[in-house]
Amino acid sequence: MTIEQLQKENEKLKEVLFAGAFLMAKAVHKYYFGVGMEEQATDFMKDAEELTGNKLPKFA
């Protein structure tokens, strides 16, 4: 693969990562997870925000 192809693939993967984090945020807002599971979900969402440079919306 060329560098351009790898960069394009990387952008697609970042979009998928952010979409997963968005769904996780909705699930955490809607359902009760145990303390450990909620902490893992929060870490995942924080890491996704850092890697993609996007901010997840806050659900009230």
PDB file of N, CA and C in Angstrom:
ATOM      1  N   MET A   1       0.845  -1.189   0.000  1.00  0.00           N
ATOM      2  CA  MET A   1       0.000   0.000   0.000  1.00  0.00           C
ATOM      3  C   MET A   1       0.886   1.247   0.000  1.00  0.00           C
ATOM      4  N   THR A   2       0.399   2.254  -0.660  1.00  0.00           N
ATOM      5  CA  THR A   2       1.123   3.522  -0.673  1.00  0.00           C
ATOM      6  C   THR A   2       0.778   4.320   0.580  1.00  0.00           C
ATOM      7  N   ILE A   3       1.551   5.354   0.817  1.00  0.00           N
ATOM      8  CA  ILE A   3       1.309   6.199   1.986  1.00  0.00           C
ATOM      9  C   ILE A   3      -0.067   6.853   1.893  1.00  0.00           C
ATOM     10  N   GLU A   4      -0.454   7.267   0.701  1.00  0.00           N
ATOM     11  CA  GLU A   4      -1.765   7.903   0.523  1.00  0.00           C
ATOM     12  C   GLU A   4      -2.896   6.933   0.855  1.00  0.00           C
ATOM     13  N   GLN A   5      -2.745   5.686   0.428  1.00  0.00           N
ATOM     14  CA  GLN A   5      -3.767   4.679   0.722  1.00  0.00           C
ATOM     15  C   GLN A   5      -3.841   4.416   2.222  1.00  0.00           C
ATOM     16  N   LEU A   6      -2.684   4.361   2.870  1.00  0.00           N
ATOM     17  CA  LEU A   6      -2.663   4.137   4.317  1.00  0.00           C
ATOM     18  C   LEU A   6      -3.300   5.303   5.062  1.00  0.00           C
ATOM     19  N   GLN A   7      -3.039   6.516   4.618  1.00  0.00           N
ATOM     20  CA  GLN A   7      -3.641   7.685   5.262  1.00  0.00           C
ATOM     21  C   GLN A   7      -5.154   7.689   5.086  1.00  0.00           C
ATOM     22  N   LYS A   8      -5.612   7.306   3.906  1.00  0.00           N
ATOM     23  CA  LYS A   8      -7.056   7.235   3.645  1.00  0.00           C
ATOM     24  C   LYS A   8      -7.706   6.164   4.524  1.00  0.00           C
ATOM     25  N   GLU A   9      -7.052   5.016   4.636  1.00  0.00           N
ATOM     26  CA  GLU A   9      -7.562   3.933   5.482  1.00  0.00           C
ATOM     27  C   GLU A   9      -7.581   4.365   6.944  1.00  0.00           C
ATOM     28  N   ASN A  10      -6.554   5.090   7.366  1.00  0.00           N
ATOM     29  CA  ASN A  10      -6.477   5.578   8.738  1.00  0.00           C
ATOM     30  C   ASN A  10      -7.635   6.528   9.040  1.00  0.00           C
ATOM     31  N   GLU A  11      -7.982   7.392   8.099  1.00  0.00           N
ATOM     32  CA  GLU A  11      -9.111   8.305   8.289  1.00  0.00           C
ATOM     33  C   GLU A  11     -10.426   7.539   8.407  1.00  0.00           C
ATOM     34  N   LYS A  12     -10.591   6.503   7.606  1.00  0.00           N
ATOM     35  CA  LYS A  12     -11.803   5.676   7.698  1.00  0.00           C
ATOM     36  C   LYS A  12     -11.892   5.014   9.068  1.00  0.00           C
ATOM     37  N   LEU A  13     -10.761   4.507   9.548  1.00  0.00           N
ATOM     38  CA  LEU A  13     -10.751   3.850  10.854  1.00  0.00           C
ATOM     39  C   LEU A  13     -11.046   4.836  11.975  1.00  0.00           C
ATOM     40  N   LYS A  14     -10.574   6.066  11.848  1.00  0.00           N
ATOM     41  CA  LYS A  14     -10.885   7.090  12.848  1.00  0.00           C
ATOM     42  C   LYS A  14     -12.383   7.383  12.871  1.00  0.00           C
ATOM     43  N   GLU A  15     -13.016   7.395  11.699  1.00  0.00           N
ATOM     44  CA  GLU A  15     -14.465   7.616  11.635  1.00  0.00           C
ATOM     45  C   GLU A  15     -15.217   6.483  12.327  1.00  0.00           C
ATOM     46  N   VAL A  16     -14.770   5.254  12.111  1.00  0.00           N
ATOM     47  CA  VAL A  16     -15.404   4.096  12.749  1.00  0.00           C
ATOM     48  C   VAL A  16     -15.198   4.154  14.259  1.00  0.00           C
ATOM     49  N   LEU A  17     -14.000   4.523  14.690  1.00  0.00           N
ATOM     50  CA  LEU A  17     -13.702   4.644  16.115  1.00  0.00           C
ATOM     51  C   LEU A  17     -14.614   5.674  16.768  1.00  0.00           C
ATOM     52  N   PHE A  18     -14.767   6.830  16.128  1.00  0.00           N
ATOM     53  CA  PHE A  18     -15.609   7.876  16.700  1.00  0.00           C
ATOM     54  C   PHE A  18     -17.072   7.457  16.730  1.00  0.00           C
ATOM     55  N   ALA A  19     -17.520   6.753  15.694  1.00  0.00           N
ATOM     56  CA  ALA A  19     -18.905   6.266  15.676  1.00  0.00           C
ATOM     57  C   ALA A  19     -19.140   5.290  16.826  1.00  0.00           C
ATOM     58  N   GLY A  20     -18.179   4.420  17.081  1.00  0.00           N
ATOM     59  CA  GLY A  20     -18.292   3.489  18.201  1.00  0.00           C
ATOM     60  C   GLY A  20     -18.335   4.214  19.531  1.00  0.00           C
ATOM     61  N   ALA A  21     -17.520   5.247  19.667  1.00  0.00           N
ATOM     62  CA  ALA A  21     -17.514   6.027  20.904  1.00  0.00           C
ATOM     63  C   ALA A  21     -18.839   6.761  21.091  1.00  0.00           C
ATOM     64  N   PHE A  22     -19.421   7.243  19.993  1.00  0.00           N
ATOM     65  CA  PHE A  22     -20.719   7.917  20.071  1.00  0.00           C
ATOM     66  C   PHE A  22     -21.794   6.950  20.559  1.00  0.00           C
ATOM     67  N   LEU A  23     -21.804   5.744  20.000  1.00  0.00           N
ATOM     68  CA  LEU A  23     -22.778   4.739  20.442  1.00  0.00           C
ATOM     69  C   LEU A  23     -22.555   4.358  21.900  1.00  0.00           C
ATOM     70  N   MET A  24     -21.301   4.277  22.314  1.00  0.00           N
ATOM     71  CA  MET A  24     -20.991   3.958  23.708  1.00  0.00           C
ATOM     72  C   MET A  24     -21.498   5.069  24.621  1.00  0.00           C
ATOM     73  N   ALA A  25     -21.338   6.316  24.216  1.00  0.00           N
ATOM     74  CA  ALA A  25     -21.820   7.440  25.023  1.00  0.00           C
ATOM     75  C   ALA A  25     -23.335   7.372  25.187  1.00  0.00           C
ATOM     76  N   LYS A  26     -24.037   7.039  24.111  1.00  0.00           N
ATOM     77  CA  LYS A  26     -25.495   6.908  24.200  1.00  0.00           C
ATOM     78  C   LYS A  26     -25.881   5.764  25.134  1.00  0.00           C
ATOM     79  N   ALA A  27     -25.161   4.650  25.059  1.00  0.00           N
ATOM     80  CA  ALA A  27     -25.467   3.497  25.909  1.00  0.00           C
ATOM     81  C   ALA A  27     -25.206   3.817  27.375  1.00  0.00           C
ATOM     82  N   VAL A  28     -24.104   4.498  27.659  1.00  0.00           N
ATOM     83  CA  VAL A  28     -23.777   4.858  29.045  1.00  0.00           C
ATOM     84  C   VAL A  28     -24.836   5.806  29.594  1.00  0.00           C
ATOM     85  N   HIS A  29     -25.330   6.705  28.745  1.00  0.00           N
ATOM     86  CA  HIS A  29     -26.363   7.645  29.190  1.00  0.00           C
ATOM     87  C   HIS A  29     -27.688   6.936  29.468  1.00  0.00           C
ATOM     88  N   LYS A  30     -28.012   5.945  28.645  1.00  0.00           N
ATOM     89  CA  LYS A  30     -29.327   5.307  28.731  1.00  0.00           C
ATOM     90  C   LYS A  30     -29.386   4.174  29.752  1.00  0.00           C
ATOM     91  N   TYR A  31     -28.307   3.410  29.884  1.00  0.00           N
ATOM     92  CA  TYR A  31     -28.316   2.218  30.729  1.00  0.00           C
ATOM     93  C   TYR A  31     -27.333   2.348  31.882  1.00  0.00           C
ATOM     94  N   TYR A  32     -27.593   1.591  32.930  1.00  0.00           N
ATOM     95  CA  TYR A  32     -26.674   1.559  34.058  1.00  0.00           C
ATOM     96  C   TYR A  32     -25.672   0.432  33.849  1.00  0.00           C
ATOM     97  N   PHE A  33     -24.408   0.778  33.868  1.00  0.00           N
ATOM     98  CA  PHE A  33     -23.342  -0.216  33.843  1.00  0.00           C
ATOM     99  C   PHE A  33     -22.724  -0.255  35.232  1.00  0.00           C
ATOM    100  N   GLY A  34     -22.072  -1.337  35.554  1.00  0.00           N
ATOM    101  CA  GLY A  34     -21.346  -1.396  36.813  1.00  0.00           C
ATOM    102  C   GLY A  34     -20.218  -0.372  36.799  1.00  0.00           C
ATOM    103  N   VAL A  35     -19.647  -0.131  37.961  1.00  0.00           N
ATOM    104  CA  VAL A  35     -18.604   0.888  38.081  1.00  0.00           C
ATOM    105  C   VAL A  35     -17.425   0.586  37.163  1.00  0.00           C
ATOM    106  N   GLY A  36     -16.953  -0.645  37.151  1.00  0.00           N
ATOM    107  CA  GLY A  36     -15.808  -1.011  36.320  1.00  0.00           C
ATOM    108  C   GLY A  36     -16.102  -0.880  34.841  1.00  0.00           C
ATOM    109  N   MET A  37     -17.283  -1.324  34.438  1.00  0.00           N
ATOM    110  CA  MET A  37     -17.660  -1.252  33.020  1.00  0.00           C
ATOM    111  C   MET A  37     -17.836   0.203  32.585  1.00  0.00           C
ATOM    112  N   GLU A  38     -18.420   1.014  33.450  1.00  0.00           N
ATOM    113  CA  GLU A  38     -18.601   2.425  33.108  1.00  0.00           C
ATOM    114  C   GLU A  38     -17.251   3.136  33.003  1.00  0.00           C
ATOM    115  N   GLU A  39     -16.320   2.769  33.861  1.00  0.00           N
ATOM    116  CA  GLU A  39     -14.980   3.360  33.798  1.00  0.00           C
ATOM    117  C   GLU A  39     -14.278   2.982  32.492  1.00  0.00           C
ATOM    118  N   GLN A  40     -14.421   1.725  32.075  1.00  0.00           N
ATOM    119  CA  GLN A  40     -13.834   1.296  30.801  1.00  0.00           C
ATOM    120  C   GLN A  40     -14.472   2.041  29.632  1.00  0.00           C
ATOM    121  N   ALA A  41     -15.779   2.215  29.680  1.00  0.00           N
ATOM    122  CA  ALA A  41     -16.479   2.936  28.617  1.00  0.00           C
ATOM    123  C   ALA A  41     -16.020   4.386  28.561  1.00  0.00           C
ATOM    124  N   THR A  42     -15.870   5.004  29.718  1.00  0.00           N
ATOM    125  CA  THR A  42     -15.413   6.390  29.776  1.00  0.00           C
ATOM    126  C   THR A  42     -13.997   6.518  29.225  1.00  0.00           C
ATOM    127  N   ASP A  43     -13.128   5.582  29.583  1.00  0.00           N
ATOM    128  CA  ASP A  43     -11.761   5.594  29.055  1.00  0.00           C
ATOM    129  C   ASP A  43     -11.756   5.433  27.540  1.00  0.00           C
ATOM    130  N   PHE A  44     -12.599   4.537  27.027  1.00  0.00           N
ATOM    131  CA  PHE A  44     -12.703   4.329  25.586  1.00  0.00           C
ATOM    132  C   PHE A  44     -13.141   5.611  24.881  1.00  0.00           C
ATOM    133  N   MET A  45     -14.158   6.268  25.433  1.00  0.00           N
ATOM    134  CA  MET A  45     -14.662   7.495  24.819  1.00  0.00           C
ATOM    135  C   MET A  45     -13.609   8.603  24.862  1.00  0.00           C
ATOM    136  N   LYS A  46     -12.892   8.706  25.980  1.00  0.00           N
ATOM    137  CA  LYS A  46     -11.842   9.721  26.105  1.00  0.00           C
ATOM    138  C   LYS A  46     -10.719   9.462  25.101  1.00  0.00           C
ATOM    139  N   ASP A  47     -10.304   8.204  24.979  1.00  0.00           N
ATOM    140  CA  ASP A  47      -9.257   7.847  24.017  1.00  0.00           C
ATOM    141  C   ASP A  47      -9.702   8.129  22.584  1.00  0.00           C
ATOM    142  N   ALA A  48     -10.955   7.840  22.274  1.00  0.00           N
ATOM    143  CA  ALA A  48     -11.475   8.096  20.925  1.00  0.00           C
ATOM    144  C   ALA A  48     -11.465   9.590  20.619  1.00  0.00           C
ATOM    145  N   GLU A  49     -11.826  10.407  21.594  1.00  0.00           N
ATOM    146  CA  GLU A  49     -11.797  11.855  21.394  1.00  0.00           C
ATOM    147  C   GLU A  49     -10.376  12.337  21.124  1.00  0.00           C
ATOM    148  N   GLU A  50      -9.420  11.812  21.884  1.00  0.00           N
ATOM    149  CA  GLU A  50      -8.028  12.219  21.711  1.00  0.00           C
ATOM    150  C   GLU A  50      -7.478  11.782  20.356  1.00  0.00           C
ATOM    151  N   LEU A  51      -7.786  10.563  19.944  1.00  0.00           N
ATOM    152  CA  LEU A  51      -7.244  10.040  18.691  1.00  0.00           C
ATOM    153  C   LEU A  51      -7.868  10.679  17.456  1.00  0.00           C
ATOM    154  N   THR A  52      -9.147  11.006  17.534  1.00  0.00           N
ATOM    155  CA  THR A  52      -9.825  11.561  16.360  1.00  0.00           C
ATOM    156  C   THR A  52      -9.813  13.085  16.337  1.00  0.00           C
ATOM    157  N   GLY A  53      -9.628  13.710  17.494  1.00  0.00           N
ATOM    158  CA  GLY A  53      -9.667  15.168  17.560  1.00  0.00           C
ATOM    159  C   GLY A  53     -11.077  15.725  17.583  1.00  0.00           C
ATOM    160  N   ASN A  54     -12.073  14.869  17.732  1.00  0.00           N
ATOM    161  CA  ASN A  54     -13.482  15.292  17.790  1.00  0.00           C
ATOM    162  C   ASN A  54     -13.979  15.188  19.223  1.00  0.00           C
ATOM    163  N   LYS A  55     -14.971  16.000  19.559  1.00  0.00           N
ATOM    164  CA  LYS A  55     -15.579  15.946  20.882  1.00  0.00           C
ATOM    165  C   LYS A  55     -16.937  15.272  20.788  1.00  0.00           C
ATOM    166  N   LEU A  56     -17.195  14.374  21.720  1.00  0.00           N
ATOM    167  CA  LEU A  56     -18.502  13.723  21.795  1.00  0.00           C
ATOM    168  C   LEU A  56     -19.510  14.682  22.424  1.00  0.00           C
ATOM    169  N   PRO A  57     -20.757  14.634  21.981  1.00  0.00           N
ATOM    170  CA  PRO A  57     -21.776  15.489  22.606  1.00  0.00           C
ATOM    171  C   PRO A  57     -22.088  14.986  24.013  1.00  0.00           C
ATOM    172  N   LYS A  58     -22.499  15.891  24.861  1.00  0.00           N
ATOM    173  CA  LYS A  58     -22.905  15.534  26.222  1.00  0.00           C
ATOM    174  C   LYS A  58     -24.405  15.297  26.220  1.00  0.00           C
ATOM    175  N   PHE A  59     -24.818  14.136  26.701  1.00  0.00           N
ATOM    176  CA  PHE A  59     -26.236  13.813  26.782  1.00  0.00           C
ATOM    177  C   PHE A  59     -26.744  14.210  28.155  1.00  0.00           C
ATOM    178  N   ALA A  60     -27.828  14.965  28.201  1.00  0.00           N
ATOM    179  CA  ALA A  60     -28.366  15.459  29.470  1.00  0.00           C
ATOM    180  C   ALA A  60     -29.194  14.414  30.159  1.00  0.00           C
TER     181      ALA A  60
END
